Structures are given as structure tokens and as C-alpha cells.
Amino acid sequence: MGDNLITMNDQLKIAILVVLAGGYFIYEKKPTIFFKDNGEFKQFGLKNDETPFPFFMALMIAGFLTYYCLLLKEGKYV
């Protein structure tokens, strides 16, 4: 069997750090787009007390965009 089943390049490591740091920062600031006034997460939806952008989705998109931009910066388009 192989020694490395999963290889992590530098871009992936940076993207993971961005997601973790961004998640911590957003969780500490508790913006009203993700959180209720009492500090709980808002439910996904389009009503007044819901959010169209859940916390996990924002972090996932930030991670994908960070990783993709780092790949483009390095010149790896595929």
C-alpha cells in the first residue's frame, strides 16, 4: 500500500487556513446575515428571520474560491 493516500499541496493548506480563520472571525463577530439577535444560527430560507446564505455555505464558497485563485496565481489552470 502507498504511504500517502492523500497529498496536500500548499494551496490546499492555505485554503484550509483561510476557511478556519474566516470561520472563527465570522463566528466571533456574529453578523446579522448569519446569526439571530440571541447569537443562534439563522435557519436557511427566505423569510425575515432566515438567511439565504448559511454559515457553512459561505465558508465552503470561500474555501473553493481561495483554492481556485491560488491555483490560477501559480499558473495551474487544470
PDB file of N, CA and C in Angstrom:
ATOM      1  N   MET A   1       0.824  -1.183   0.000  1.00  0.00           N
ATOM      2  CA  MET A   1       0.000   0.000   0.000  1.00  0.00           C
ATOM      3  C   MET A   1       0.867   1.245   0.000  1.00  0.00           C
ATOM      4  N   GLY A   2       0.293   2.340  -0.521  1.00  0.00           N
ATOM      5  CA  GLY A   2       1.041   3.593  -0.618  1.00  0.00           C
ATOM      6  C   GLY A   2       1.165   4.291   0.719  1.00  0.00           C
ATOM      7  N   ASP A   3       2.220   5.038   0.841  1.00  0.00           N
ATOM      8  CA  ASP A   3       2.442   5.788   2.070  1.00  0.00           C
ATOM      9  C   ASP A   3       1.501   6.980   2.176  1.00  0.00           C
ATOM     10  N   ASN A   4       1.309   7.694   1.064  1.00  0.00           N
ATOM     11  CA  ASN A   4       0.480   8.897   1.083  1.00  0.00           C
ATOM     12  C   ASN A   4      -0.801   8.650   0.305  1.00  0.00           C
ATOM     13  N   LEU A   5      -1.875   8.438   1.012  1.00  0.00           N
ATOM     14  CA  LEU A   5      -3.147   8.267   0.331  1.00  0.00           C
ATOM     15  C   LEU A   5      -3.730   9.615  -0.075  1.00  0.00           C
ATOM     16  N   ILE A   6      -3.497  10.621   0.719  1.00  0.00           N
ATOM     17  CA  ILE A   6      -3.959  11.965   0.410  1.00  0.00           C
ATOM     18  C   ILE A   6      -2.765  12.902   0.468  1.00  0.00           C
ATOM     19  N   THR A   7      -2.537  13.600  -0.631  1.00  0.00           N
ATOM     20  CA  THR A   7      -1.448  14.572  -0.638  1.00  0.00           C
ATOM     21  C   THR A   7      -2.046  15.968  -0.531  1.00  0.00           C
ATOM     22  N   MET A   8      -1.418  16.787   0.260  1.00  0.00           N
ATOM     23  CA  MET A   8      -1.893  18.158   0.445  1.00  0.00           C
ATOM     24  C   MET A   8      -0.834  19.110  -0.088  1.00  0.00           C
ATOM     25  N   ASN A   9      -1.195  19.839  -1.133  1.00  0.00           N
ATOM     26  CA  ASN A   9      -0.270  20.836  -1.654  1.00  0.00           C
ATOM     27  C   ASN A   9      -0.403  22.121  -0.847  1.00  0.00           C
ATOM     28  N   ASP A  10       0.474  23.063  -1.126  1.00  0.00           N
ATOM     29  CA  ASP A  10       0.486  24.313  -0.354  1.00  0.00           C
ATOM     30  C   ASP A  10      -0.797  25.112  -0.524  1.00  0.00           C
ATOM     31  N   GLN A  11      -1.381  25.079  -1.737  1.00  0.00           N
ATOM     32  CA  GLN A  11      -2.617  25.817  -1.979  1.00  0.00           C
ATOM     33  C   GLN A  11      -3.748  25.290  -1.106  1.00  0.00           C
ATOM     34  N   LEU A  12      -3.829  23.980  -0.964  1.00  0.00           N
ATOM     35  CA  LEU A  12      -4.870  23.378  -0.133  1.00  0.00           C
ATOM     36  C   LEU A  12      -4.677  23.731   1.339  1.00  0.00           C
ATOM     37  N   LYS A  13      -3.454  23.729   1.791  1.00  0.00           N
ATOM     38  CA  LYS A  13      -3.170  24.101   3.179  1.00  0.00           C
ATOM     39  C   LYS A  13      -3.569  25.546   3.456  1.00  0.00           C
ATOM     40  N   ILE A  14      -3.251  26.441   2.517  1.00  0.00           N
ATOM     41  CA  ILE A  14      -3.607  27.852   2.689  1.00  0.00           C
ATOM     42  C   ILE A  14      -5.121  28.014   2.671  1.00  0.00           C
ATOM     43  N   ALA A  15      -5.806  27.308   1.762  1.00  0.00           N
ATOM     44  CA  ALA A  15      -7.267  27.407   1.679  1.00  0.00           C
ATOM     45  C   ALA A  15      -7.914  26.921   2.976  1.00  0.00           C
ATOM     46  N   ILE A  16      -7.391  25.852   3.554  1.00  0.00           N
ATOM     47  CA  ILE A  16      -7.925  25.343   4.817  1.00  0.00           C
ATOM     48  C   ILE A  16      -7.716  26.372   5.932  1.00  0.00           C
ATOM     49  N   LEU A  17      -6.552  26.990   5.960  1.00  0.00           N
ATOM     50  CA  LEU A  17      -6.290  28.019   6.973  1.00  0.00           C
ATOM     51  C   LEU A  17      -7.206  29.224   6.799  1.00  0.00           C
ATOM     52  N   VAL A  18      -7.476  29.612   5.557  1.00  0.00           N
ATOM     53  CA  VAL A  18      -8.375  30.738   5.300  1.00  0.00           C
ATOM     54  C   VAL A  18      -9.777  30.407   5.795  1.00  0.00           C
ATOM     55  N   VAL A  19     -10.250  29.187   5.533  1.00  0.00           N
ATOM     56  CA  VAL A  19     -11.585  28.783   5.978  1.00  0.00           C
ATOM     57  C   VAL A  19     -11.660  28.760   7.507  1.00  0.00           C
ATOM     58  N   LEU A  20     -10.656  28.201   8.149  1.00  0.00           N
ATOM     59  CA  LEU A  20     -10.659  28.143   9.612  1.00  0.00           C
ATOM     60  C   LEU A  20     -10.592  29.536  10.234  1.00  0.00           C
ATOM     61  N   ALA A  21      -9.696  30.380   9.723  1.00  0.00           N
ATOM     62  CA  ALA A  21      -9.566  31.733  10.261  1.00  0.00           C
ATOM     63  C   ALA A  21     -10.814  32.560   9.954  1.00  0.00           C
ATOM     64  N   GLY A  22     -11.331  32.440   8.746  1.00  0.00           N
ATOM     65  CA  GLY A  22     -12.542  33.169   8.387  1.00  0.00           C
ATOM     66  C   GLY A  22     -13.740  32.711   9.197  1.00  0.00           C
ATOM     67  N   GLY A  23     -13.857  31.411   9.402  1.00  0.00           N
ATOM     68  CA  GLY A  23     -14.944  30.879  10.213  1.00  0.00           C
ATOM     69  C   GLY A  23     -14.880  31.366  11.642  1.00  0.00           C
ATOM     70  N   TYR A  24     -13.693  31.390  12.200  1.00  0.00           N
ATOM     71  CA  TYR A  24     -13.528  31.884  13.570  1.00  0.00           C
ATOM     72  C   TYR A  24     -13.884  33.364  13.657  1.00  0.00           C
ATOM     73  N   PHE A  25     -13.381  34.153  12.697  1.00  0.00           N
ATOM     74  CA  PHE A  25     -13.640  35.590  12.686  1.00  0.00           C
ATOM     75  C   PHE A  25     -15.135  35.881  12.559  1.00  0.00           C
ATOM     76  N   ILE A  26     -15.794  35.198  11.623  1.00  0.00           N
ATOM     77  CA  ILE A  26     -17.235  35.412  11.425  1.00  0.00           C
ATOM     78  C   ILE A  26     -18.014  34.968  12.663  1.00  0.00           C
ATOM     79  N   TYR A  27     -17.624  33.852  13.251  1.00  0.00           N
ATOM     80  CA  TYR A  27     -18.332  33.356  14.432  1.00  0.00           C
ATOM     81  C   TYR A  27     -18.188  34.318  15.613  1.00  0.00           C
ATOM     82  N   GLU A  28     -17.024  34.909  15.740  1.00  0.00           N
ATOM     83  CA  GLU A  28     -16.815  35.861  16.841  1.00  0.00           C
ATOM     84  C   GLU A  28     -17.569  37.170  16.613  1.00  0.00           C
ATOM     85  N   LYS A  29     -17.635  37.639  15.374  1.00  0.00           N
ATOM     86  CA  LYS A  29     -18.325  38.896  15.064  1.00  0.00           C
ATOM     87  C   LYS A  29     -19.845  38.736  15.033  1.00  0.00           C
ATOM     88  N   LYS A  30     -20.332  37.544  14.708  1.00  0.00           N
ATOM     89  CA  LYS A  30     -21.755  37.218  14.641  1.00  0.00           C
ATOM     90  C   LYS A  30     -22.556  38.238  13.826  1.00  0.00           C
ATOM     91  N   PRO A  31     -22.263  38.349  12.521  1.00  0.00           N
ATOM     92  CA  PRO A  31     -23.032  39.293  11.692  1.00  0.00           C
ATOM     93  C   PRO A  31     -24.493  38.854  11.568  1.00  0.00           C
ATOM     94  N   THR A  32     -25.366  39.824  11.388  1.00  0.00           N
ATOM     95  CA  THR A  32     -26.806  39.537  11.380  1.00  0.00           C
ATOM     96  C   THR A  32     -27.246  38.720  10.175  1.00  0.00           C
ATOM     97  N   ILE A  33     -26.424  38.623   9.152  1.00  0.00           N
ATOM     98  CA  ILE A  33     -26.808  37.801   7.999  1.00  0.00           C
ATOM     99  C   ILE A  33     -26.763  36.305   8.350  1.00  0.00           C
ATOM    100  N   PHE A  34     -25.934  35.906   9.308  1.00  0.00           N
ATOM    101  CA  PHE A  34     -25.798  34.502   9.694  1.00  0.00           C
ATOM    102  C   PHE A  34     -26.423  34.179  11.051  1.00  0.00           C
ATOM    103  N   PHE A  35     -26.566  35.183  11.927  1.00  0.00           N
ATOM    104  CA  PHE A  35     -26.961  34.930  13.307  1.00  0.00           C
ATOM    105  C   PHE A  35     -28.198  35.730  13.701  1.00  0.00           C
ATOM    106  N   LYS A  36     -28.966  35.155  14.628  1.00  0.00           N
ATOM    107  CA  LYS A  36     -30.105  35.855  15.231  1.00  0.00           C
ATOM    108  C   LYS A  36     -29.576  36.815  16.301  1.00  0.00           C
ATOM    109  N   ASP A  37     -30.462  37.620  16.849  1.00  0.00           N
ATOM    110  CA  ASP A  37     -30.056  38.572  17.895  1.00  0.00           C
ATOM    111  C   ASP A  37     -29.558  37.877  19.163  1.00  0.00           C
ATOM    112  N   ASN A  38     -30.061  36.672  19.438  1.00  0.00           N
ATOM    113  CA  ASN A  38     -29.632  35.945  20.633  1.00  0.00           C
ATOM    114  C   ASN A  38     -28.348  35.138  20.416  1.00  0.00           C
ATOM    115  N   GLY A  39     -27.740  35.208  19.212  1.00  0.00           N
ATOM    116  CA  GLY A  39     -26.478  34.529  18.951  1.00  0.00           C
ATOM    117  C   GLY A  39     -26.604  33.169  18.305  1.00  0.00           C
ATOM    118  N   GLU A  40     -27.820  32.683  18.092  1.00  0.00           N
ATOM    119  CA  GLU A  40     -28.016  31.385  17.441  1.00  0.00           C
ATOM    120  C   GLU A  40     -27.919  31.543  15.925  1.00  0.00           C
ATOM    121  N   PHE A  41     -27.572  30.437  15.254  1.00  0.00           N
ATOM    122  CA  PHE A  41     -27.531  30.456  13.802  1.00  0.00           C
ATOM    123  C   PHE A  41     -28.933  30.629  13.233  1.00  0.00           C
ATOM    124  N   LYS A  42     -29.039  31.389  12.143  1.00  0.00           N
ATOM    125  CA  LYS A  42     -30.311  31.506  11.445  1.00  0.00           C
ATOM    126  C   LYS A  42     -30.521  30.262  10.590  1.00  0.00           C
ATOM    127  N   GLN A  43     -31.779  29.893  10.392  1.00  0.00           N
ATOM    128  CA  GLN A  43     -32.129  28.787   9.511  1.00  0.00           C
ATOM    129  C   GLN A  43     -32.011  29.238   8.064  1.00  0.00           C
ATOM    130  N   PHE A  44     -31.808  28.275   7.167  1.00  0.00           N
ATOM    131  CA  PHE A  44     -31.747  28.566   5.742  1.00  0.00           C
ATOM    132  C   PHE A  44     -33.152  28.816   5.223  1.00  0.00           C
ATOM    133  N   GLY A  45     -33.346  29.906   4.481  1.00  0.00           N
ATOM    134  CA  GLY A  45     -34.645  30.223   3.915  1.00  0.00           C
ATOM    135  C   GLY A  45     -34.720  31.667   3.478  1.00  0.00           C
ATOM    136  N   LEU A  46     -35.910  32.057   3.041  1.00  0.00           N
ATOM    137  CA  LEU A  46     -36.092  33.409   2.520  1.00  0.00           C
ATOM    138  C   LEU A  46     -37.021  34.264   3.365  1.00  0.00           C
ATOM    139  N   LYS A  47     -37.453  33.752   4.504  1.00  0.00           N
ATOM    140  CA  LYS A  47     -38.307  34.545   5.388  1.00  0.00           C
ATOM    141  C   LYS A  47     -37.474  35.597   6.118  1.00  0.00           C
ATOM    142  N   ASN A  48     -38.148  36.457   6.879  1.00  0.00           N
ATOM    143  CA  ASN A  48     -37.490  37.562   7.564  1.00  0.00           C
ATOM    144  C   ASN A  48     -36.446  37.087   8.579  1.00  0.00           C
ATOM    145  N   ASP A  49     -36.726  36.027   9.311  1.00  0.00           N
ATOM    146  CA  ASP A  49     -35.806  35.544  10.342  1.00  0.00           C
ATOM    147  C   ASP A  49     -34.901  34.421   9.837  1.00  0.00           C
ATOM    148  N   GLU A  50     -34.790  34.254   8.523  1.00  0.00           N
ATOM    149  CA  GLU A  50     -33.949  33.219   7.921  1.00  0.00           C
ATOM    150  C   GLU A  50     -32.900  33.878   7.029  1.00  0.00           C
ATOM    151  N   THR A  51     -31.943  33.069   6.575  1.00  0.00           N
ATOM    152  CA  THR A  51     -30.867  33.602   5.741  1.00  0.00           C
ATOM    153  C   THR A  51     -30.739  32.799   4.448  1.00  0.00           C
ATOM    154  N   PRO A  52     -30.526  33.475   3.325  1.00  0.00           N
ATOM    155  CA  PRO A  52     -30.266  32.745   2.086  1.00  0.00           C
ATOM    156  C   PRO A  52     -28.808  32.278   1.985  1.00  0.00           C
ATOM    157  N   PHE A  53     -27.966  32.738   2.914  1.00  0.00           N
ATOM    158  CA  PHE A  53     -26.547  32.388   2.912  1.00  0.00           C
ATOM    159  C   PHE A  53     -26.163  31.759   4.246  1.00  0.00           C
ATOM    160  N   PRO A  54     -26.330  30.448   4.396  1.00  0.00           N
ATOM    161  CA  PRO A  54     -25.951  29.829   5.676  1.00  0.00           C
ATOM    162  C   PRO A  54     -24.438  29.889   5.900  1.00  0.00           C
ATOM    163  N   PHE A  55     -24.074  29.821   7.152  1.00  0.00           N
ATOM    164  CA  PHE A  55     -22.678  29.936   7.582  1.00  0.00           C
ATOM    165  C   PHE A  55     -21.790  28.927   6.869  1.00  0.00           C
ATOM    166  N   PHE A  56     -22.207  27.663   6.840  1.00  0.00           N
ATOM    167  CA  PHE A  56     -21.378  26.620   6.241  1.00  0.00           C
ATOM    168  C   PHE A  56     -21.193  26.852   4.746  1.00  0.00           C
ATOM    169  N   MET A  57     -22.218  27.372   4.075  1.00  0.00           N
ATOM    170  CA  MET A  57     -22.123  27.598   2.634  1.00  0.00           C
ATOM    171  C   MET A  57     -21.151  28.734   2.332  1.00  0.00           C
ATOM    172  N   ALA A  58     -21.185  29.782   3.135  1.00  0.00           N
ATOM    173  CA  ALA A  58     -20.253  30.897   2.943  1.00  0.00           C
ATOM    174  C   ALA A  58     -18.811  30.436   3.130  1.00  0.00           C
ATOM    175  N   LEU A  59     -18.572  29.595   4.141  1.00  0.00           N
ATOM    176  CA  LEU A  59     -17.218  29.078   4.367  1.00  0.00           C
ATOM    177  C   LEU A  59     -16.776  28.158   3.241  1.00  0.00           C
ATOM    178  N   MET A  60     -17.675  27.337   2.748  1.00  0.00           N
ATOM    179  CA  MET A  60     -17.348  26.419   1.663  1.00  0.00           C
ATOM    180  C   MET A  60     -17.000  27.194   0.392  1.00  0.00           C
ATOM    181  N   ILE A  61     -17.770  28.205   0.067  1.00  0.00           N
ATOM    182  CA  ILE A  61     -17.505  29.009  -1.125  1.00  0.00           C
ATOM    183  C   ILE A  61     -16.184  29.769  -0.969  1.00  0.00           C
ATOM    184  N   ALA A  62     -15.925  30.296   0.222  1.00  0.00           N
ATOM    185  CA  ALA A  62     -14.661  30.992   0.469  1.00  0.00           C
ATOM    186  C   ALA A  62     -13.477  30.046   0.286  1.00  0.00           C
ATOM    187  N   GLY A  63     -13.609  28.814   0.743  1.00  0.00           N
ATOM    188  CA  GLY A  63     -12.539  27.835   0.590  1.00  0.00           C
ATOM    189  C   GLY A  63     -12.288  27.476  -0.865  1.00  0.00           C
ATOM    190  N   PHE A  64     -13.364  27.227  -1.614  1.00  0.00           N
ATOM    191  CA  PHE A  64     -13.213  26.914  -3.035  1.00  0.00           C
ATOM    192  C   PHE A  64     -12.601  28.070  -3.810  1.00  0.00           C
ATOM    193  N   LEU A  65     -13.086  29.286  -3.545  1.00  0.00           N
ATOM    194  CA  LEU A  65     -12.551  30.450  -4.250  1.00  0.00           C
ATOM    195  C   LEU A  65     -11.090  30.695  -3.909  1.00  0.00           C
ATOM    196  N   THR A  66     -10.738  30.539  -2.655  1.00  0.00           N
ATOM    197  CA  THR A  66      -9.340  30.714  -2.256  1.00  0.00           C
ATOM    198  C   THR A  66      -8.448  29.703  -2.950  1.00  0.00           C
ATOM    199  N   TYR A  67      -8.856  28.450  -2.931  1.00  0.00           N
ATOM    200  CA  TYR A  67      -8.060  27.394  -3.560  1.00  0.00           C
ATOM    201  C   TYR A  67      -7.929  27.638  -5.058  1.00  0.00           C
ATOM    202  N   TYR A  68      -9.033  27.984  -5.709  1.00  0.00           N
ATOM    203  CA  TYR A  68      -9.013  28.212  -7.144  1.00  0.00           C
ATOM    204  C   TYR A  68      -8.141  29.407  -7.507  1.00  0.00           C
ATOM    205  N   CYS A  69      -8.253  30.496  -6.757  1.00  0.00           N
ATOM    206  CA  CYS A  69      -7.432  31.680  -7.026  1.00  0.00           C
ATOM    207  C   CYS A  69      -5.945  31.388  -6.826  1.00  0.00           C
ATOM    208  N   LEU A  70      -5.620  30.600  -5.827  1.00  0.00           N
ATOM    209  CA  LEU A  70      -4.219  30.238  -5.610  1.00  0.00           C
ATOM    210  C   LEU A  70      -3.691  29.372  -6.739  1.00  0.00           C
ATOM    211  N   LEU A  71      -4.526  28.482  -7.273  1.00  0.00           N
ATOM    212  CA  LEU A  71      -4.112  27.673  -8.420  1.00  0.00           C
ATOM    213  C   LEU A  71      -3.899  28.546  -9.648  1.00  0.00           C
ATOM    214  N   LEU A  72      -4.804  29.496  -9.873  1.00  0.00           N
ATOM    215  CA  LEU A  72      -4.661  30.398 -11.021  1.00  0.00           C
ATOM    216  C   LEU A  72      -3.417  31.263 -10.894  1.00  0.00           C
ATOM    217  N   LYS A  73      -3.146  31.719  -9.678  1.00  0.00           N
ATOM    218  CA  LYS A  73      -1.968  32.555  -9.447  1.00  0.00           C
ATOM    219  C   LYS A  73      -0.685  31.807  -9.798  1.00  0.00           C
ATOM    220  N   GLU A  74      -0.675  30.513  -9.506  1.00  0.00           N
ATOM    221  CA  GLU A  74       0.511  29.704  -9.781  1.00  0.00           C
ATOM    222  C   GLU A  74       0.593  29.295 -11.247  1.00  0.00           C
ATOM    223  N   GLY A  75      -0.492  29.474 -11.998  1.00  0.00           N
ATOM    224  CA  GLY A  75      -0.483  29.130 -13.417  1.00  0.00           C
ATOM    225  C   GLY A  75      -0.989  27.743 -13.711  1.00  0.00           C
ATOM    226  N   LYS A  76      -1.602  27.069 -12.748  1.00  0.00           N
ATOM    227  CA  LYS A  76      -2.168  25.726 -12.962  1.00  0.00           C
ATOM    228  C   LYS A  76      -3.648  25.868 -13.255  1.00  0.00           C
ATOM    229  N   TYR A  77      -3.998  25.871 -14.524  1.00  0.00           N
ATOM    230  CA  TYR A  77      -5.374  26.111 -14.924  1.00  0.00           C
ATOM    231  C   TYR A  77      -6.209  24.847 -14.958  1.00  0.00           C
ATOM    232  N   VAL A  78      -5.614  23.704 -14.882  1.00  0.00           N
ATOM    233  CA  VAL A  78      -6.371  22.444 -14.927  1.00  0.00           C
ATOM    234  C   VAL A  78      -6.184  21.698 -13.643  1.00  0.00           C
TER     235      VAL A  78
END
